[in-house]
């Protein structure tokens, strides 16, 4: 149980302003750092120190430069960046 991480997805701006169910919104979640829309075709990673989901492009361009979590300022190691498995919708 000590290895379980609470994964946090940041809602897109258009997902929380309208009175529609989250399932009906096309762009639901965004990268916690850059604001890029997340989808099945976007490689993502979880930052172990904060639990937030970011794109791998953000990891490679921003986070790996200084290895500090931009959300909470904690020092990161390669072990703290967990790539997420991509999946399809089944169709």
N, C-alpha and C. Protein backbone atom coordinates (compact mmCIF):
# COMPACT_ATOMS: atom_id res chain seq x y z
N UNK A 1 0.81 -1.20 0.00
CA UNK A 1 0.00 0.00 0.00
C UNK A 1 0.86 1.27 0.00
N UNK A 2 2.10 1.17 0.44
CA UNK A 2 2.93 2.36 0.49
C UNK A 2 3.32 2.84 -0.91
N UNK A 3 3.22 1.98 -1.92
CA UNK A 3 3.58 2.36 -3.28
C UNK A 3 2.41 2.93 -4.08
N UNK A 4 1.21 2.93 -3.52
CA UNK A 4 0.04 3.44 -4.23
C UNK A 4 0.11 4.96 -4.29
N UNK A 5 -0.15 5.50 -5.49
CA UNK A 5 -0.09 6.94 -5.72
C UNK A 5 -1.48 7.44 -6.08
N UNK A 6 -1.89 8.53 -5.48
CA UNK A 6 -3.15 9.17 -5.81
C UNK A 6 -2.95 9.98 -7.09
N UNK A 7 -3.48 9.48 -8.22
CA UNK A 7 -3.30 10.14 -9.52
C UNK A 7 -4.34 11.24 -9.67
N UNK A 8 -3.87 12.44 -10.04
CA UNK A 8 -4.75 13.61 -10.15
C UNK A 8 -4.75 14.11 -11.58
N UNK A 9 -5.94 14.22 -12.16
CA UNK A 9 -6.11 14.78 -13.49
C UNK A 9 -6.66 16.20 -13.35
N UNK A 10 -6.10 17.15 -14.09
CA UNK A 10 -6.60 18.53 -14.06
C UNK A 10 -7.70 18.66 -15.10
N UNK A 11 -8.86 19.19 -14.67
CA UNK A 11 -9.98 19.38 -15.58
C UNK A 11 -9.70 20.52 -16.56
N UNK A 12 -10.17 20.34 -17.79
CA UNK A 12 -10.07 21.40 -18.79
C UNK A 12 -11.03 22.52 -18.41
N UNK A 13 -10.74 23.73 -18.82
CA UNK A 13 -11.58 24.88 -18.48
C UNK A 13 -13.01 24.72 -18.98
N UNK A 14 -13.18 24.17 -20.18
CA UNK A 14 -14.53 24.02 -20.72
C UNK A 14 -15.28 22.87 -20.05
N UNK A 15 -14.58 22.00 -19.32
CA UNK A 15 -15.25 20.86 -18.69
C UNK A 15 -15.92 21.25 -17.39
N UNK A 16 -15.45 22.26 -16.70
CA UNK A 16 -16.03 22.59 -15.40
C UNK A 16 -16.96 23.80 -15.43
N UNK A 17 -17.06 24.52 -16.54
CA UNK A 17 -17.89 25.72 -16.59
C UNK A 17 -19.32 25.44 -17.05
N UNK A 18 -19.53 24.39 -17.81
CA UNK A 18 -20.85 24.12 -18.37
C UNK A 18 -21.58 23.10 -17.51
N UNK A 19 -22.88 23.14 -17.57
CA UNK A 19 -23.68 22.19 -16.79
C UNK A 19 -23.96 20.92 -17.58
N UNK A 20 -22.93 20.39 -18.19
CA UNK A 20 -23.05 19.13 -18.91
C UNK A 20 -22.30 18.07 -18.14
N UNK A 21 -22.74 16.82 -18.27
CA UNK A 21 -21.97 15.74 -17.61
C UNK A 21 -20.56 15.66 -18.20
N UNK A 22 -19.61 15.23 -17.40
CA UNK A 22 -18.22 15.15 -17.83
C UNK A 22 -18.05 14.22 -19.03
N UNK A 23 -18.93 13.23 -19.16
CA UNK A 23 -18.84 12.27 -20.27
C UNK A 23 -19.18 12.95 -21.59
N UNK A 24 -20.00 14.00 -21.57
CA UNK A 24 -20.42 14.67 -22.79
C UNK A 24 -19.41 15.70 -23.28
N UNK A 25 -18.42 16.02 -22.49
CA UNK A 25 -17.44 17.03 -22.87
C UNK A 25 -16.34 16.37 -23.68
N UNK A 26 -15.96 17.00 -24.80
CA UNK A 26 -14.96 16.41 -25.68
C UNK A 26 -13.55 16.46 -25.08
N UNK A 27 -13.13 17.63 -24.65
CA UNK A 27 -11.80 17.79 -24.04
C UNK A 27 -11.99 17.86 -22.52
N UNK A 28 -11.73 16.75 -21.84
CA UNK A 28 -12.02 16.67 -20.41
C UNK A 28 -10.85 17.07 -19.53
N UNK A 29 -9.66 16.59 -19.87
CA UNK A 29 -8.51 16.79 -19.00
C UNK A 29 -7.36 17.43 -19.76
N UNK A 30 -6.52 18.16 -19.03
CA UNK A 30 -5.36 18.83 -19.62
C UNK A 30 -4.12 18.52 -18.79
N UNK A 31 -2.95 18.76 -19.38
CA UNK A 31 -1.68 18.63 -18.67
C UNK A 31 -1.67 19.65 -17.54
N UNK A 32 -1.22 19.24 -16.37
CA UNK A 32 -1.23 20.12 -15.20
C UNK A 32 -0.23 21.27 -15.32
N UNK A 33 0.75 21.14 -16.20
CA UNK A 33 1.77 22.18 -16.33
C UNK A 33 1.52 23.05 -17.56
N UNK A 34 1.36 22.43 -18.73
CA UNK A 34 1.27 23.19 -19.98
C UNK A 34 -0.16 23.50 -20.41
N UNK A 35 -1.12 22.74 -19.94
CA UNK A 35 -2.51 22.94 -20.35
C UNK A 35 -2.86 22.26 -21.66
N UNK A 36 -1.98 21.41 -22.19
CA UNK A 36 -2.28 20.67 -23.41
C UNK A 36 -3.36 19.63 -23.12
N UNK A 37 -4.26 19.42 -24.09
CA UNK A 37 -5.35 18.47 -23.91
C UNK A 37 -4.81 17.04 -23.90
N UNK A 38 -5.30 16.23 -22.97
CA UNK A 38 -4.91 14.82 -22.88
C UNK A 38 -5.92 13.97 -23.62
N UNK A 39 -5.43 12.94 -24.29
CA UNK A 39 -6.29 12.01 -25.01
C UNK A 39 -5.59 10.67 -25.13
N UNK A 40 -6.25 9.73 -25.82
CA UNK A 40 -5.67 8.39 -25.96
C UNK A 40 -4.38 8.38 -26.75
N UNK A 41 -4.20 9.35 -27.65
CA UNK A 41 -3.01 9.36 -28.49
C UNK A 41 -1.87 10.20 -27.91
N UNK A 42 -2.07 10.78 -26.74
CA UNK A 42 -1.06 11.64 -26.12
C UNK A 42 -0.32 10.85 -25.04
N UNK A 43 0.99 10.64 -25.20
CA UNK A 43 1.75 9.96 -24.15
C UNK A 43 1.79 10.81 -22.89
N UNK A 44 1.51 10.20 -21.74
CA UNK A 44 1.45 10.92 -20.47
C UNK A 44 2.29 10.23 -19.41
N UNK A 45 2.54 10.96 -18.33
CA UNK A 45 3.27 10.42 -17.19
C UNK A 45 2.68 11.00 -15.92
N UNK A 46 2.87 10.27 -14.82
CA UNK A 46 2.45 10.75 -13.50
C UNK A 46 3.71 11.13 -12.74
N UNK A 47 3.67 12.30 -12.11
CA UNK A 47 4.78 12.72 -11.26
C UNK A 47 4.52 12.19 -9.85
N UNK A 48 5.37 11.31 -9.38
CA UNK A 48 5.17 10.65 -8.10
C UNK A 48 5.07 11.62 -6.93
N UNK A 49 5.80 12.71 -6.96
CA UNK A 49 5.83 13.62 -5.83
C UNK A 49 4.54 14.41 -5.65
N UNK A 50 3.87 14.76 -6.76
CA UNK A 50 2.62 15.51 -6.65
C UNK A 50 1.40 14.69 -7.04
N UNK A 51 1.58 13.65 -7.87
CA UNK A 51 0.47 12.82 -8.32
C UNK A 51 -0.22 13.35 -9.56
N UNK A 52 0.20 14.48 -10.09
CA UNK A 52 -0.45 15.05 -11.26
C UNK A 52 0.02 14.40 -12.55
N UNK A 53 -0.89 14.39 -13.55
CA UNK A 53 -0.60 13.83 -14.87
C UNK A 53 -0.13 14.95 -15.78
N UNK A 54 0.99 14.70 -16.46
CA UNK A 54 1.56 15.65 -17.41
C UNK A 54 1.87 14.90 -18.71
N UNK A 55 2.03 15.63 -19.80
CA UNK A 55 2.39 14.99 -21.07
C UNK A 55 3.87 14.64 -21.06
N UNK A 56 4.23 13.63 -21.83
CA UNK A 56 5.64 13.25 -21.95
C UNK A 56 6.44 14.36 -22.64
N UNK A 57 5.79 15.12 -23.50
CA UNK A 57 6.46 16.27 -24.13
C UNK A 57 6.86 17.28 -23.05
N UNK A 58 6.00 17.51 -22.09
CA UNK A 58 6.31 18.40 -20.96
C UNK A 58 7.46 17.83 -20.14
N UNK A 59 7.46 16.53 -19.93
CA UNK A 59 8.54 15.89 -19.17
C UNK A 59 9.87 16.09 -19.88
N UNK A 60 9.89 15.82 -21.17
CA UNK A 60 11.14 15.90 -21.93
C UNK A 60 11.64 17.33 -22.12
N UNK A 61 10.73 18.29 -22.32
CA UNK A 61 11.14 19.67 -22.61
C UNK A 61 11.35 20.52 -21.36
N UNK A 62 10.57 20.28 -20.31
CA UNK A 62 10.62 21.16 -19.14
C UNK A 62 11.15 20.49 -17.88
N UNK A 63 10.57 19.36 -17.54
CA UNK A 63 10.85 18.77 -16.23
C UNK A 63 12.23 18.14 -16.17
N UNK A 64 12.67 17.47 -17.23
CA UNK A 64 13.97 16.79 -17.20
C UNK A 64 15.15 17.76 -17.20
N UNK A 65 14.92 19.02 -17.48
CA UNK A 65 16.01 19.99 -17.47
C UNK A 65 16.57 20.21 -16.08
N UNK A 66 15.69 20.40 -15.10
CA UNK A 66 16.16 20.64 -13.74
C UNK A 66 15.69 19.59 -12.74
N UNK A 67 14.84 18.66 -13.18
CA UNK A 67 14.32 17.55 -12.35
C UNK A 67 13.68 18.06 -11.07
N UNK A 68 12.84 19.09 -11.20
CA UNK A 68 12.05 19.61 -10.09
C UNK A 68 10.59 19.58 -10.52
N UNK A 69 9.72 19.08 -9.63
CA UNK A 69 8.29 19.02 -9.90
C UNK A 69 7.74 20.44 -9.95
N UNK A 70 7.19 20.88 -11.10
CA UNK A 70 6.70 22.25 -11.20
C UNK A 70 5.45 22.51 -10.36
N UNK A 71 4.78 21.48 -9.93
CA UNK A 71 3.56 21.65 -9.14
C UNK A 71 3.88 22.01 -7.69
N UNK A 72 4.81 21.27 -7.08
CA UNK A 72 5.09 21.50 -5.65
C UNK A 72 6.56 21.83 -5.35
N UNK A 73 7.43 21.84 -6.36
CA UNK A 73 8.82 22.21 -6.16
C UNK A 73 9.70 21.13 -5.58
N UNK A 74 9.21 19.90 -5.48
CA UNK A 74 10.00 18.80 -4.93
C UNK A 74 11.02 18.31 -5.96
N UNK A 75 12.16 17.85 -5.47
CA UNK A 75 13.21 17.29 -6.32
C UNK A 75 12.74 15.95 -6.87
N UNK A 76 12.99 15.70 -8.16
CA UNK A 76 12.58 14.46 -8.82
C UNK A 76 13.78 13.61 -9.19
N UNK A 77 13.54 12.30 -9.28
CA UNK A 77 14.50 11.37 -9.87
C UNK A 77 13.80 10.71 -11.05
N UNK A 78 14.52 9.92 -11.83
CA UNK A 78 13.89 9.20 -12.94
C UNK A 78 12.83 8.24 -12.43
N UNK A 79 12.99 7.74 -11.23
CA UNK A 79 12.03 6.82 -10.61
C UNK A 79 10.70 7.52 -10.33
N UNK A 80 10.72 8.84 -10.14
CA UNK A 80 9.53 9.61 -9.81
C UNK A 80 8.67 9.96 -11.02
N UNK A 81 9.14 9.72 -12.22
CA UNK A 81 8.38 9.98 -13.44
C UNK A 81 7.86 8.63 -13.95
N UNK A 82 6.56 8.42 -13.82
CA UNK A 82 5.95 7.13 -14.16
C UNK A 82 5.18 7.26 -15.47
N UNK A 83 5.65 6.64 -16.56
CA UNK A 83 4.91 6.69 -17.82
C UNK A 83 3.59 5.93 -17.70
N UNK A 84 2.54 6.50 -18.27
CA UNK A 84 1.23 5.85 -18.25
C UNK A 84 1.05 5.02 -19.51
N UNK A 85 0.37 3.91 -19.37
CA UNK A 85 0.06 3.03 -20.50
C UNK A 85 -1.10 3.63 -21.29
N UNK A 86 -0.93 3.75 -22.59
CA UNK A 86 -2.00 4.27 -23.44
C UNK A 86 -2.89 3.12 -23.84
N UNK A 87 -4.18 3.43 -24.03
CA UNK A 87 -5.12 2.40 -24.45
C UNK A 87 -6.12 2.96 -25.42
N UNK A 88 -6.78 2.07 -26.12
CA UNK A 88 -7.79 2.48 -27.07
C UNK A 88 -9.17 2.40 -26.47
N UNK A 89 -10.13 2.79 -27.29
CA UNK A 89 -11.53 2.77 -26.83
C UNK A 89 -12.19 1.44 -27.13
N UNK A 90 -11.53 0.57 -27.86
CA UNK A 90 -12.10 -0.72 -28.19
C UNK A 90 -12.82 -0.75 -29.51
N UNK A 91 -12.84 0.37 -30.24
CA UNK A 91 -13.53 0.41 -31.54
C UNK A 91 -12.53 0.52 -32.64
